[in-house]
Every structure is written in C-alpha cells, then in structure tokens.
Amino acid sequence: MRRFPEQNLNHGVRREHDSGALKRQLIMLACGLVMAGGFVAAAGQHFAAVRYGYDSEGLRREHARLLEEQQQLIMKINAATAPASLDRAAREIGMQPARASQINRTQRNVVRQTPEPPAPKNLRRRSPVAH
C-alpha cells in the first residue's frame, strides 16, 4: 500500500498524556458498580416481595380452612352437649333420671351485707393548706 505523500510530515507528532483520565475512569467505574449493586438489591427485594405475597396467600387459605374446621368442631360440641344427646348418652351407660324423692331441698343461709358506717371526721385526710 502506497501512501501519499511519500514523505509523511507528521511523524514527530506525539499524543498528549491526559493525567485526569485515570481518575475519571475510576469514578465512572465506581458509579457503575454502585448502580449495578442498586439494581441487584432492588431485584432481590422484588423477588422477596413476590415470595412473601405467595406465602401470605397460602396463609390466608390455611386461615380460612382452620376457621371452617373450628366452626365444624363448635357444631359437634353443641350437638354433643345438647340436652337430648346428653340424656341419650346417660341412658346408654345405665343412668336414670333423678326422682323427686332423691332431690334434697335445703334452705341456704342468706348473708345480708350491711353498708359500712362512715369514717369519723377526725380520721379523714386533710388537704394541705399553704399559709
């Protein structure tokens, strides 16, 4: 390949050395790393929020299931403690209803409470008076 002109006149030109270029490149590298770290942290928080959303939805379903189970258990307790059910269960184990002669009616002593008399005037608390 031939160049024109054959006598190159710029063979003595030297490039200037930029002393601040390294400093600017390091600053740019640091800024880029900070931004990349921020994006990674934001992505991590996003994925954690999605995971917590799925977990909370599962807990809501379990809560609803447990409430339904609780209602069923309350209905079973109510059915088991109903007077007709208790009477039937008592008869199955051989118990009989009480007869009137078996019931002991005793009079209970009723204690009447009387109000306490007011405290004497000399024992009442005095309020401090500034003189």
Protein backbone atom coordinates (compact mmCIF):
# COMPACT_ATOMS: atom_id res chain seq x y z
CA MET A 1 0.00 0.00 0.00
CA ARG A 2 1.40 3.27 -1.00
CA ARG A 3 0.74 6.43 0.88
CA PHE A 4 0.75 9.84 -0.49
CA PRO A 5 2.72 11.89 0.02
CA GLU A 6 5.67 9.62 0.46
CA GLN A 7 7.23 11.98 2.85
CA ASN A 8 4.96 11.98 5.92
CA LEU A 9 5.19 15.24 7.72
CA ASN A 10 3.55 14.25 10.99
CA HIS A 11 5.97 11.56 12.13
CA GLY A 12 7.11 13.71 15.03
CA VAL A 13 3.67 14.39 16.49
CA ARG A 14 3.18 12.87 19.90
CA ARG A 15 -0.05 12.47 21.77
CA GLU A 16 -0.52 14.46 24.96
CA HIS A 17 -0.85 12.40 28.09
CA ASP A 18 -4.10 13.16 29.98
CA SER A 19 -3.33 12.90 33.70
CA GLY A 20 -7.02 13.17 34.79
CA ALA A 21 -8.25 10.35 32.54
CA LEU A 22 -7.47 7.58 35.04
CA LYS A 23 -9.24 9.50 37.80
CA ARG A 24 -12.37 9.96 35.66
CA GLN A 25 -12.36 6.31 34.64
CA LEU A 26 -12.15 5.17 38.27
CA ILE A 27 -15.01 7.49 39.22
CA MET A 28 -17.10 6.13 36.34
CA LEU A 29 -16.27 2.55 37.36
CA ALA A 30 -17.29 3.23 40.97
CA CYS A 31 -20.56 4.86 39.86
CA GLY A 32 -21.30 1.92 37.58
CA LEU A 33 -20.65 -0.57 40.37
CA VAL A 34 -22.92 1.36 42.76
CA MET A 35 -25.70 1.44 40.16
CA ALA A 36 -25.30 -2.26 39.38
CA GLY A 37 -25.40 -3.06 43.11
CA GLY A 38 -28.55 -0.99 43.46
CA PHE A 39 -30.22 -2.86 40.62
CA VAL A 40 -29.26 -6.22 42.17
CA ALA A 41 -30.61 -5.12 45.57
CA ALA A 42 -33.86 -3.87 44.01
CA ALA A 43 -34.29 -7.15 42.15
CA GLY A 44 -33.70 -9.08 45.37
CA GLN A 45 -36.35 -7.02 47.17
CA HIS A 46 -38.77 -7.52 44.31
CA PHE A 47 -38.35 -11.30 44.35
CA ALA A 48 -38.66 -11.34 48.16
CA ALA A 49 -41.92 -9.34 47.92
CA VAL A 50 -43.30 -11.79 45.36
CA ARG A 51 -42.33 -14.74 47.59
CA TYR A 52 -43.95 -13.10 50.64
CA GLY A 53 -47.09 -12.50 48.58
CA TYR A 54 -47.34 -16.18 47.73
CA ASP A 55 -46.66 -17.12 51.36
CA SER A 56 -49.34 -14.76 52.66
CA GLU A 57 -51.84 -16.12 50.15
CA GLY A 58 -51.10 -19.63 51.41
CA LEU A 59 -51.57 -18.45 54.98
CA ARG A 60 -54.91 -16.85 54.06
CA ARG A 61 -56.10 -20.15 52.59
CA GLU A 62 -54.95 -22.04 55.68
CA HIS A 63 -56.65 -19.48 57.95
CA ALA A 64 -59.93 -19.93 56.06
CA ARG A 65 -59.60 -23.72 56.31
CA LEU A 66 -58.93 -23.53 60.05
CA LEU A 67 -61.91 -21.21 60.59
CA GLU A 68 -64.14 -23.68 58.77
CA GLU A 69 -62.74 -26.55 60.83
CA GLN A 70 -63.33 -24.53 64.02
CA GLN A 71 -66.96 -23.95 63.03
CA GLN A 72 -67.42 -27.69 62.41
CA LEU A 73 -65.91 -28.51 65.80
CA ILE A 74 -68.15 -25.97 67.55
CA MET A 75 -71.17 -27.55 65.86
CA LYS A 76 -70.03 -31.01 67.04
CA ILE A 77 -69.57 -29.71 70.61
CA ASN A 78 -73.03 -28.11 70.52
CA ALA A 79 -74.56 -31.34 69.22
CA ALA A 80 -72.75 -33.43 71.85
CA THR A 81 -73.77 -31.17 74.75
CA ALA A 82 -77.40 -30.78 73.71
CA PRO A 83 -79.81 -31.99 76.45
CA ALA A 84 -81.30 -34.70 74.21
CA SER A 85 -77.83 -36.02 73.35
CA LEU A 86 -76.73 -35.99 77.00
CA ASP A 87 -79.94 -37.78 78.05
CA ARG A 88 -79.41 -40.46 75.38
CA ALA A 89 -75.73 -40.94 76.38
CA ALA A 90 -76.67 -41.17 80.08
CA ARG A 91 -79.27 -43.85 79.37
CA GLU A 92 -76.72 -45.81 77.29
CA ILE A 93 -74.38 -46.09 80.28
CA GLY A 94 -77.24 -47.06 82.61
CA MET A 95 -78.08 -43.77 84.32
CA GLN A 96 -81.68 -42.88 85.10
CA PRO A 97 -83.33 -39.52 85.61
CA ALA A 98 -83.50 -38.32 89.21
CA ARG A 99 -86.78 -38.86 91.05
CA ALA A 100 -88.32 -36.13 93.18
CA SER A 101 -87.58 -38.07 96.37
CA GLN A 102 -83.85 -38.09 95.54
CA ILE A 103 -83.61 -34.31 95.35
CA ASN A 104 -82.66 -32.73 98.69
CA ARG A 105 -84.02 -29.25 99.06
CA THR A 106 -82.26 -27.40 101.83
CA GLN A 107 -82.59 -23.76 102.75
CA ARG A 108 -79.38 -21.83 102.33
CA ASN A 109 -78.48 -19.15 104.80
CA VAL A 110 -78.56 -15.83 103.05
CA VAL A 111 -75.96 -13.42 104.38
CA ARG A 112 -77.10 -9.83 104.20
CA GLN A 113 -74.45 -7.28 103.72
CA THR A 114 -74.85 -4.03 105.60
CA PRO A 115 -73.20 -0.85 104.39
CA GLU A 116 -70.15 0.25 106.34
CA PRO A 117 -70.62 3.26 108.59
CA PRO A 118 -68.80 6.43 107.51
CA ALA A 119 -65.36 7.06 108.98
CA PRO A 120 -65.17 9.54 111.90
CA LYS A 121 -64.35 13.12 110.96
CA ASN A 122 -61.08 13.22 112.86
CA LEU A 123 -59.68 10.27 110.82
CA ARG A 124 -60.43 11.79 107.45
CA ARG A 125 -57.50 13.01 105.41
CA ARG A 126 -56.81 16.68 105.48
CA SER A 127 -55.68 18.50 102.40
CA PRO A 128 -52.52 20.58 102.83
CA VAL A 129 -53.18 24.29 103.00
CA ALA A 130 -50.47 26.78 102.05
CA HIS A 131 -50.14 29.68 104.53
